[in-house]
Protein backbone atom coordinates (compact mmCIF):
# COMPACT_ATOMS: atom_id res chain seq x y z
CA MET A 1 95.47 -64.99 17.48
CA LYS A 2 95.12 -67.20 20.26
CA VAL A 3 91.98 -67.48 22.39
CA PHE A 4 93.14 -65.96 25.87
CA LYS A 5 93.48 -68.85 28.46
CA SER A 6 93.37 -68.27 31.98
CA ALA A 7 97.00 -67.56 33.38
CA VAL A 8 96.11 -69.65 36.65
CA VAL A 9 97.05 -72.88 34.54
CA ALA A 10 100.42 -71.37 33.70
CA LEU A 11 100.96 -70.33 37.42
CA VAL A 12 100.14 -73.93 38.79
CA LEU A 13 102.43 -75.43 36.21
CA LEU A 14 105.10 -73.07 37.31
CA SER A 15 105.01 -73.41 40.97
CA SER A 16 106.33 -76.91 41.23
CA ALA A 17 109.58 -75.53 39.68
CA SER A 18 109.70 -72.12 41.34
CA GLY A 19 112.57 -73.55 43.39
CA LEU A 20 115.03 -73.84 40.55
CA ALA A 21 115.28 -70.15 39.87
CA GLN A 22 119.11 -69.34 39.51
CA LEU A 23 118.64 -65.72 38.60
CA PRO A 24 116.25 -64.30 41.34
CA GLY A 25 114.59 -61.07 40.95
CA ARG A 26 115.13 -61.04 37.09
CA LYS A 27 112.35 -60.65 34.90
CA ASP A 28 114.00 -60.42 31.68
CA GLY A 29 113.29 -62.10 28.35
CA VAL A 30 116.42 -63.87 27.22
CA VAL A 31 117.29 -63.63 23.98
CA VAL A 32 119.98 -66.10 22.08
CA ARG A 33 120.75 -65.32 18.27
CA GLY A 34 121.20 -68.36 16.16
CA SER A 35 124.89 -67.34 15.69
CA GLN A 36 125.45 -68.03 19.70
CA VAL A 37 124.60 -71.54 19.07
CA ARG A 38 126.00 -71.93 15.71
CA ASP A 39 126.32 -75.80 15.77
CA PHE A 40 122.57 -75.85 15.56
CA CYS A 41 122.06 -73.28 12.58
CA GLY A 42 120.58 -75.37 9.75
CA GLU A 43 118.43 -77.53 12.29
CA LYS A 44 114.81 -77.54 11.58
CA ILE A 45 113.26 -75.24 14.32
CA SER A 46 110.25 -77.89 14.66
CA GLN A 47 112.90 -80.36 16.05
CA LEU A 48 114.21 -78.14 18.68
CA GLY A 49 113.67 -78.24 22.27
CA LEU A 50 114.80 -76.29 25.18
CA MET A 51 114.96 -77.55 28.64
CA ARG A 52 116.49 -76.90 32.09
CA TRP A 53 117.94 -79.50 34.58
CA THR A 54 115.80 -79.91 37.49
CA GLY A 55 118.47 -81.81 39.70
CA LYS A 56 116.90 -85.34 38.46
CA ASP A 57 116.34 -84.67 34.86
CA PHE A 58 115.63 -82.44 31.90
CA GLN A 59 112.42 -80.58 32.11
CA PRO A 60 111.07 -78.57 28.82
CA ILE A 61 110.38 -74.93 29.48
CA PRO A 62 108.46 -72.33 27.41
CA PHE A 63 110.37 -70.98 24.64
CA GLN A 64 109.93 -69.84 20.82
CA VAL A 65 112.10 -69.21 17.74
CA ASP A 66 111.42 -66.08 15.95
CA GLU A 67 112.93 -66.06 12.48
CA LYS A 68 114.26 -62.94 11.11
CA THR A 69 115.55 -61.36 7.73
CA PRO A 70 119.15 -61.07 7.16
CA GLU A 71 118.80 -57.37 7.47
CA GLY A 72 117.19 -58.19 11.31
CA ASN A 73 113.56 -57.51 10.58
CA PHE A 74 110.93 -60.07 11.94
CA ILE A 75 109.40 -62.81 9.82
CA TYR A 76 105.63 -62.90 10.72
CA LEU A 77 103.16 -65.61 10.49
CA TYR A 78 99.94 -63.71 10.62
CA GLY A 79 98.37 -60.66 9.36
CA LYS A 80 97.76 -59.00 6.10
CA LYS A 81 101.46 -58.42 5.55
CA LYS A 82 102.63 -61.69 6.88
CA ASN A 83 105.99 -62.80 5.19
CA PRO A 84 106.60 -66.23 6.08
CA GLU A 85 108.07 -66.81 2.72
CA LEU A 86 110.94 -65.23 3.89
CA GLY A 87 111.86 -67.83 6.42
CA ASN A 88 112.99 -71.41 5.90
CA GLY A 89 112.04 -73.05 8.90
CA LYS A 90 115.52 -73.84 10.13
CA LEU A 91 117.56 -72.03 12.70
CA ASP A 92 119.76 -69.09 10.98
CA PRO A 93 122.33 -67.06 12.66
CA GLN A 94 120.29 -64.14 12.83
CA ASP A 95 117.17 -65.86 13.96
CA GLU A 96 116.18 -65.38 17.83
CA LEU A 97 115.73 -68.18 20.44
CA VAL A 98 113.72 -66.63 23.40
CA PHE A 99 113.00 -67.79 26.70
CA MET A 100 112.28 -66.07 30.21
CA ALA A 101 115.10 -65.82 32.89
CA TRP A 102 113.18 -67.34 35.68
CA ASP A 103 113.08 -70.66 33.76
CA THR A 104 116.75 -71.31 33.77
CA GLY A 105 118.04 -73.70 36.23
CA PRO A 106 121.38 -75.13 37.57
CA ALA A 107 124.00 -76.54 35.56
CA ALA A 108 123.69 -80.31 34.95
CA PRO A 109 126.21 -82.61 36.07
CA GLU A 110 128.68 -84.15 33.46
CA GLY A 111 127.26 -87.43 32.11
CA ALA A 112 123.60 -86.34 32.72
CA LYS A 113 121.15 -88.54 30.72
CA TRP A 114 119.91 -86.81 27.78
CA PRO A 115 116.34 -87.00 26.91
CA GLU A 116 115.05 -89.77 24.78
CA ASP A 117 115.48 -89.32 20.96
CA ALA A 118 117.88 -86.43 21.55
CA LEU A 119 120.52 -86.26 18.84
CA LYS A 120 122.60 -82.97 19.72
CA ALA A 121 122.77 -80.74 22.74
CA ALA A 122 124.42 -77.44 23.90
CA GLN A 123 124.55 -75.72 27.26
CA VAL A 124 123.62 -72.19 26.98
CA ASP A 125 124.38 -69.79 29.99
CA ALA A 126 122.86 -66.54 30.79
CA ALA A 127 125.00 -64.64 33.30
CA ASP A 128 124.41 -61.08 35.17
CA ARG A 129 125.89 -61.19 38.87
CA GLY A 130 124.99 -64.84 38.89
CA LYS A 131 124.82 -67.46 36.21
CA ALA A 132 122.43 -70.02 35.23
CA SER A 133 121.63 -72.59 32.41
CA VAL A 134 119.41 -73.85 29.75
CA TYR A 135 119.89 -76.77 27.37
CA LEU A 136 119.08 -76.68 23.51
CA PHE A 137 118.39 -80.13 22.15
CA SER A 138 117.77 -81.37 18.43
CA PHE A 139 115.65 -84.20 18.41
CA LYS A 140 115.06 -87.05 15.89
CA THR A 141 111.34 -86.66 16.38
CA ALA A 142 108.81 -84.30 17.81
CA PRO A 143 110.71 -82.70 20.92
CA PRO A 144 108.66 -82.62 24.42
CA LYS A 145 107.15 -79.09 25.06
CA SER A 146 106.19 -76.95 27.87
CA PRO A 147 102.28 -76.38 27.97
CA VAL A 148 102.84 -72.81 29.67
CA ASP A 149 101.84 -69.97 27.57
CA TYR A 150 102.69 -66.51 29.29
CA VAL A 151 101.18 -64.14 26.96
CA GLN A 152 98.36 -64.05 24.26
CA SER A 153 97.18 -61.92 21.66
CA VAL A 154 93.57 -61.28 20.83
CA VAL A 155 91.05 -59.03 19.37
CA GLU A 156 88.07 -58.03 21.44
CA GLU A 157 85.63 -55.13 21.47
CA GLY A 158 87.20 -53.21 18.55
CA ARG A 159 90.94 -53.25 20.08
CA ASP A 160 93.84 -55.26 19.57
CA TYR A 161 94.69 -56.95 23.13
CA VAL A 162 97.71 -58.56 24.53
CA LYS A 163 97.03 -60.31 27.81
CA THR A 164 99.31 -61.83 30.70
CA ASP A 165 98.49 -62.65 34.19
CA LYS A 166 100.45 -59.49 35.10
CA TYR A 167 98.76 -56.93 32.82
CA ILE A 168 95.98 -56.49 30.01
CA PHE A 169 97.03 -53.96 27.22
CA GLY A 170 94.47 -52.66 24.71
CA GLU A 171 94.65 -50.33 21.82
CA PRO A 172 91.80 -49.32 19.44
CA VAL A 173 92.05 -51.18 16.04
CA GLY A 174 93.62 -48.95 13.40
CA LYS A 175 94.80 -46.38 15.91
CA GLY A 176 98.27 -45.02 17.08
CA PHE A 177 97.73 -45.18 20.96
CA PHE A 178 96.48 -47.32 23.72
CA ASP A 179 93.71 -46.68 26.17
CA ARG A 180 93.42 -49.93 28.12
CA PHE A 181 96.16 -50.85 30.78
CA GLN A 182 94.79 -52.97 33.54
CA MET A 183 97.86 -54.35 36.09
CA VAL A 184 98.04 -56.78 38.83
CA THR A 185 98.11 -55.32 42.13
CA PRO A 186 100.48 -56.19 44.79
CA GLU A 187 97.60 -58.26 46.48
CA GLY A 188 97.98 -60.57 43.24
CA LYS A 189 94.43 -59.16 41.67
CA MET A 190 94.07 -57.99 38.36
CA GLY A 191 92.98 -54.06 38.80
CA PRO A 192 90.76 -52.38 36.53
CA ASN A 193 91.67 -50.06 33.49
CA PHE A 194 93.98 -47.53 35.10
CA VAL A 195 94.68 -45.52 31.78
CA ASP A 196 92.53 -42.98 29.75
CA ARG A 197 95.01 -43.04 26.86
CA ILE A 198 98.68 -42.76 26.16
CA LYS A 199 99.42 -39.43 25.15
CA GLY A 200 102.25 -38.67 22.66
CA ARG A 201 101.94 -35.19 21.38
CA GLY A 202 104.25 -32.95 19.21
CA HIS A 203 103.95 -29.42 20.24
CA ILE A 204 104.76 -27.87 16.64
CA SER A 205 106.38 -24.33 16.32
CA SER A 206 107.14 -22.84 13.09
CA MET A 207 108.38 -19.58 11.36
CA ALA A 208 109.66 -18.32 14.75
CA GLY A 209 106.51 -19.12 16.41
CA LEU A 210 104.08 -17.54 14.24
CA ILE A 211 102.45 -21.11 13.45
CA LYS A 212 101.78 -23.15 16.61
CA LEU A 213 99.53 -26.44 16.67
CA VAL A 214 99.53 -29.71 18.45
CA LYS A 215 99.92 -33.04 16.53
CA GLY A 216 98.76 -36.04 18.99
CA GLU A 217 98.13 -39.94 19.20
CA GLY A 218 94.93 -39.24 17.52
CA ASP A 219 96.41 -37.97 14.36
CA THR A 220 98.77 -40.82 13.56
CA PRO A 221 96.76 -43.71 12.62
CA ALA A 222 98.50 -47.05 13.05
CA ASP A 223 97.70 -50.37 11.64
CA MET A 224 98.44 -53.87 13.09
CA VAL A 225 99.64 -55.30 9.76
CA ALA A 226 101.37 -58.39 11.12
CA TRP A 227 101.81 -60.37 14.33
CA ILE A 228 103.81 -63.09 16.20
CA ASP A 229 102.21 -65.04 18.94
CA GLY A 230 104.41 -67.37 20.83
CA PRO A 231 104.23 -68.70 24.54
CA VAL A 232 107.07 -66.11 25.70
CA ARG A 233 106.53 -63.00 23.46
CA VAL A 234 103.97 -61.54 21.23
CA VAL A 235 105.15 -59.22 18.56
CA HIS A 236 102.88 -56.54 16.84
CA ARG A 237 103.92 -54.81 13.65
CA MET A 238 102.39 -51.32 13.61
CA GLU A 239 102.55 -48.94 10.49
CA GLY A 240 101.59 -45.38 10.24
CA GLY A 241 102.56 -41.98 10.27
CA VAL A 242 101.41 -38.36 10.65
CA GLU A 243 101.06 -35.52 7.91
CA ILE A 244 101.87 -32.05 8.95
CA ALA A 245 101.08 -28.88 6.73
CA LEU A 246 103.43 -25.89 7.09
CA GLY A 247 103.07 -24.25 3.98
CA ILE A 248 104.24 -27.35 2.54
CA LYS A 249 103.06 -30.74 3.39
CA PHE A 250 105.31 -33.38 4.43
CA LYS A 251 104.94 -36.82 6.38
CA LEU A 252 106.86 -38.11 9.14
CA ALA A 253 106.51 -42.06 8.57
CA GLY A 254 107.03 -44.60 10.83
CA GLY A 255 106.15 -47.69 12.69
CA SER A 256 106.82 -50.19 15.43
CA ASP A 257 107.39 -53.66 16.04
CA ASN A 258 105.82 -53.79 19.78
CA VAL A 259 107.24 -56.69 21.90
CA PHE A 260 105.36 -57.84 25.03
CA TYR A 261 106.59 -60.35 27.35
CA ARG A 262 104.66 -61.60 30.73
CA HIS A 263 105.81 -58.71 32.82
CA TYR A 264 106.58 -55.93 30.43
CA LEU A 265 106.34 -54.60 26.84
CA TYR A 266 108.48 -52.31 24.85
CA THR A 267 107.89 -50.40 21.70
CA PRO A 268 111.06 -49.71 19.33
CA ILE A 269 109.25 -46.72 17.17
CA PHE A 270 111.16 -46.09 13.95
CA PHE A 271 110.46 -42.92 11.72
CA SER A 272 112.15 -40.95 8.82
CA LEU A 273 112.56 -37.30 9.46
CA PRO A 274 112.72 -35.20 5.98
CA ALA A 275 115.19 -32.67 5.19
CA ALA A 276 112.78 -30.07 5.77
CA ALA A 277 111.80 -30.66 9.05
CA GLY A 278 114.84 -29.36 10.92
CA VAL A 279 114.22 -25.88 9.50
CA LEU A 280 110.49 -25.91 9.80
CA LEU A 281 109.92 -27.63 13.23
CA LYS A 282 112.73 -25.60 14.97
CA GLY A 283 111.72 -24.92 18.63
CA SER A 284 109.27 -27.87 18.44
CA TYR A 285 108.99 -30.36 21.48
CA MET A 286 107.08 -33.64 22.28
CA LEU A 287 105.23 -34.67 25.34
CA TYR A 288 105.30 -38.54 25.88
CA THR A 289 102.97 -39.30 28.73
CA ILE A 290 100.33 -41.41 30.25
CA ASP A 291 97.23 -39.98 31.36
CA PHE A 292 95.76 -42.15 34.04
CA ASN A 293 92.13 -42.20 34.97
CA ASN A 294 90.94 -41.77 38.51
CA ASN A 295 91.68 -45.24 39.33
CA ILE A 296 95.27 -44.27 39.90
CA LYS A 297 94.37 -41.87 42.73
CA GLY A 298 96.40 -42.82 45.95
CA ASP A 299 99.26 -44.07 43.94
CA TYR A 300 102.34 -42.10 43.69
CA TYR A 301 105.10 -40.94 41.12
CA PHE A 302 108.95 -40.63 41.38
CA ASP A 303 111.96 -40.37 38.97
CA PRO A 304 115.61 -40.28 39.47
CA VAL A 305 115.71 -36.48 39.81
CA ASN A 306 112.39 -36.23 41.89
CA PRO A 307 113.10 -39.35 44.28
CA THR A 308 110.46 -38.05 46.70
CA PRO A 309 107.06 -39.47 46.06
CA VAL A 310 104.36 -37.49 44.79
CA ILE A 311 100.68 -38.47 45.68
CA PHE A 312 98.16 -38.45 42.63
CA ASP A 313 95.23 -36.73 44.19
CA GLY A 314 94.05 -34.47 41.57
CA LYS A 315 95.19 -31.32 43.49
CA PRO A 316 97.75 -28.95 42.71
CA GLY A 317 100.16 -28.28 45.15
CA ASP A 318 103.61 -26.82 46.07
CA GLN A 319 105.40 -30.28 45.99
CA LYS A 320 104.11 -30.85 42.33
CA LYS A 321 104.85 -27.25 41.18
CA ASN A 322 108.19 -27.39 42.72
CA LEU A 323 109.45 -30.64 40.77
CA ASP A 324 112.58 -30.42 39.03
CA THR A 325 111.64 -30.15 35.27
CA THR A 326 115.00 -29.23 33.92
CA SER A 327 117.44 -32.02 34.84
CA GLN A 328 117.81 -34.91 32.24
CA HIS A 329 116.77 -38.37 32.87
CA ASN A 330 115.10 -41.07 30.85
CA TRP A 331 112.74 -42.90 33.46
CA TYR A 332 110.00 -42.57 35.60
CA ALA A 333 107.70 -44.96 37.91
CA VAL A 334 104.02 -45.09 39.42
CA GLY A 335 103.73 -47.03 42.38
CA GLY A 336 101.40 -48.08 45.43
CA ASP A 337 98.42 -50.06 46.12
CA GLN A 338 96.78 -50.05 42.94
CA ALA A 339 99.19 -50.09 39.69
CA ASN A 340 103.06 -50.46 39.62
CA ILE A 341 104.61 -49.42 36.50
CA ALA A 342 108.16 -47.93 35.47
CA VAL A 343 108.54 -46.33 31.90
CA ARG A 344 111.73 -45.83 30.57
CA MET A 345 112.81 -44.11 27.11
CA VAL A 346 115.88 -44.91 25.10
CA ILE A 347 116.94 -42.82 22.50
CA PRO A 348 119.90 -43.29 19.96
CA GLU A 349 123.28 -42.81 21.42
CA THR A 350 124.28 -40.63 18.38
CA LEU A 351 121.22 -37.95 19.40
CA LYS A 352 122.08 -37.66 23.18
CA GLN A 353 123.85 -34.52 22.87
CA GLN A 354 121.06 -33.11 20.86
CA VAL A 355 117.94 -34.36 22.51
CA LYS A 356 116.82 -33.48 26.05
CA LEU A 357 114.61 -35.70 28.32
CA THR A 358 113.15 -34.12 31.33
CA THR A 359 110.21 -34.49 33.69
CA PHE A 360 106.75 -33.55 32.61
CA PHE A 361 103.88 -33.97 35.46
CA ALA A 362 100.32 -32.67 35.81
CA ASP A 363 97.92 -33.86 38.19
CA ASP A 364 94.49 -31.67 38.20
CA ASP A 365 91.04 -32.82 38.34
CA ASN A 366 89.72 -29.75 36.87
CA GLU A 367 92.34 -29.34 33.91
CA ALA A 368 91.42 -30.79 30.42
CA ASP A 369 93.78 -32.07 27.71
CA PRO A 370 91.65 -33.13 24.84
CA PRO A 371 91.00 -35.62 23.33
CA GLU A 372 90.72 -37.87 26.22
CA SER A 373 87.79 -39.93 27.57
CA GLU A 374 87.88 -38.67 31.27
CA THR A 375 88.21 -35.07 32.24
CA GLY A 376 91.07 -34.24 34.47
CA ARG A 377 94.78 -34.93 34.39
CA HIS A 378 96.94 -37.53 36.10
CA GLN A 379 99.69 -37.46 33.67
CA PRO A 380 103.34 -38.15 34.15
CA GLY A 381 105.73 -38.51 31.42
CA LEU A 382 108.69 -37.20 29.65
CA LYS A 383 109.09 -33.77 27.70
CA ILE A 384 111.51 -34.46 24.58
CA ALA A 385 113.37 -31.16 23.27
CA GLY A 386 115.26 -31.12 20.16
CA TRP A 387 113.72 -34.30 18.70
CA PHE A 388 112.55 -32.44 15.42
CA GLU A 389 116.23 -30.57 14.97
CA VAL A 390 118.48 -33.55 14.30
CA PRO A 391 119.74 -34.34 10.99
CA PRO A 392 117.64 -35.77 8.48
CA GLY A 393 117.49 -39.49 8.39
CA LYS A 394 115.84 -42.77 9.77
CA TYR A 395 115.68 -43.11 13.39
CA THR A 396 114.38 -45.48 16.24
CA TYR A 397 113.43 -44.80 19.90
CA ILE A 398 112.45 -47.15 22.33
CA LEU A 399 109.81 -46.98 25.15
CA TYR A 400 109.81 -49.61 27.84
CA TYR A 401 106.65 -50.18 30.03
CA MET A 402 107.43 -52.53 33.05
CA VAL A 403 104.61 -53.80 35.25
CA SER A 404 105.59 -54.73 38.82
CA ASP A 405 103.35 -57.06 41.07
CA GLN A 406 105.23 -55.42 44.12
CA LYS A 407 105.04 -51.84 45.20
CA LEU A 408 107.85 -49.89 43.23
CA THR A 409 110.10 -47.74 45.29
CA ALA A 410 113.54 -46.45 45.12
CA ASP A 411 114.91 -49.46 46.68
CA ASN A 412 113.63 -51.91 44.18
CA ILE A 413 113.19 -50.14 41.01
CA SER A 414 116.68 -51.61 39.89
CA THR A 415 114.82 -54.80 39.20
CA TRP A 416 113.44 -53.25 36.16
CA LEU A 417 116.30 -50.69 35.20
CA ASP A 418 118.66 -53.92 35.31
CA ILE A 419 116.89 -55.29 32.00
CA LEU A 420 118.86 -52.29 30.40
CA ASP A 421 121.64 -51.46 32.55
CA HIS A 422 122.80 -55.10 33.14
CA PRO A 423 121.97 -57.32 30.26
CA PHE A 424 122.81 -60.94 30.40
CA LYS A 425 125.81 -62.40 28.79
CA ILE A 426 125.44 -65.28 26.80
CA ASN A 427 127.64 -68.24 26.28
CA SER A 428 127.14 -71.65 25.05
CA LYS A 429 129.04 -74.88 24.68
CA ASN A 430 128.30 -77.97 22.80
CA LEU A 431 127.93 -81.43 24.87
CA ASN A 432 128.91 -84.74 23.91
CA LYS A 433 126.25 -87.58 24.40
CA ASN A 434 127.78 -90.39 26.53
């Protein structure tokens, strides 16, 4: 893991090129598969460079290539379950070339002079409502590299941290939950920790309600067994699971490959549901929420079925009691002068008729929901019904946490929704050297 370096350096380096942005407003990480630049497959990754056209010349931008297995699993360079022997150091069709949308630039004119020692080139276009380009080169010698590093992975104070200039995320080593989430404020300053803890809690009901229990984030140990730490994204491989005893014991095994970019992170959580679960857990549901601490007070909550902002003040009231908690949706947002974050859950398309996502909201200084570090609940999130009753098998759902450096409102939430709703279309073409 790298020692955390001040993001001020990165911002200074970026400021000189800020006028080049061709995809305004987009905060996405752009992923290009090796198969989309097929003529570069077989090239040594160490001799690849990624650049943009500045209007005068080609300039290196931050990028990384993450190798993957033919089955689509990450190949990890660090950790007790690292597996670099599964890679070959060359670009393969399933590998991923990653860069940030704001680092793109305009298309270079025909005949633009290539960088020195460049042997091969391709123009890679990312398009949404507009279009922008980057340029992939293979070099005879070591390629020029950008010094910018957007995201770093460190271990401090018994926690696995990921740090960017937009957020600081931390989870206790060996645990299956996070309890540190600092976010940049609209004034551009890093705020305090806003989170008591993430609460992913299964409300288990069995034998027609005769047995009831709650299994939560504290019951699901998860070790970070391997990781990737590049300049554009960090990936943490987590493995764990929860054991449930209902007359017989069975384990819901699972894990995640948590991916962190400068403005957002997402956790694809995979698990196996055994054949007995649908019968034994019928009627059970899950609450997936963030319990914020008192630092969130004064901020507000909204979602697509409850668009009127609800202020976090720790006091029950009619507006909170009258929230729509029956209409389905899959995202919510917290905004204001403190923290601004949009949270979205994506479930498998095949389960959308069986699994129901609805609003959960609690805001009461005097209400306990242990285990927690701070009494009281400032707790928005989603209630997931039907999850334990789907057919046995292996499933993946994904949670996105997107940190805004502007106040989130109904007018600008689309910036974050577009990451999933309007993904970039990628095209490439090979270039001839003049």
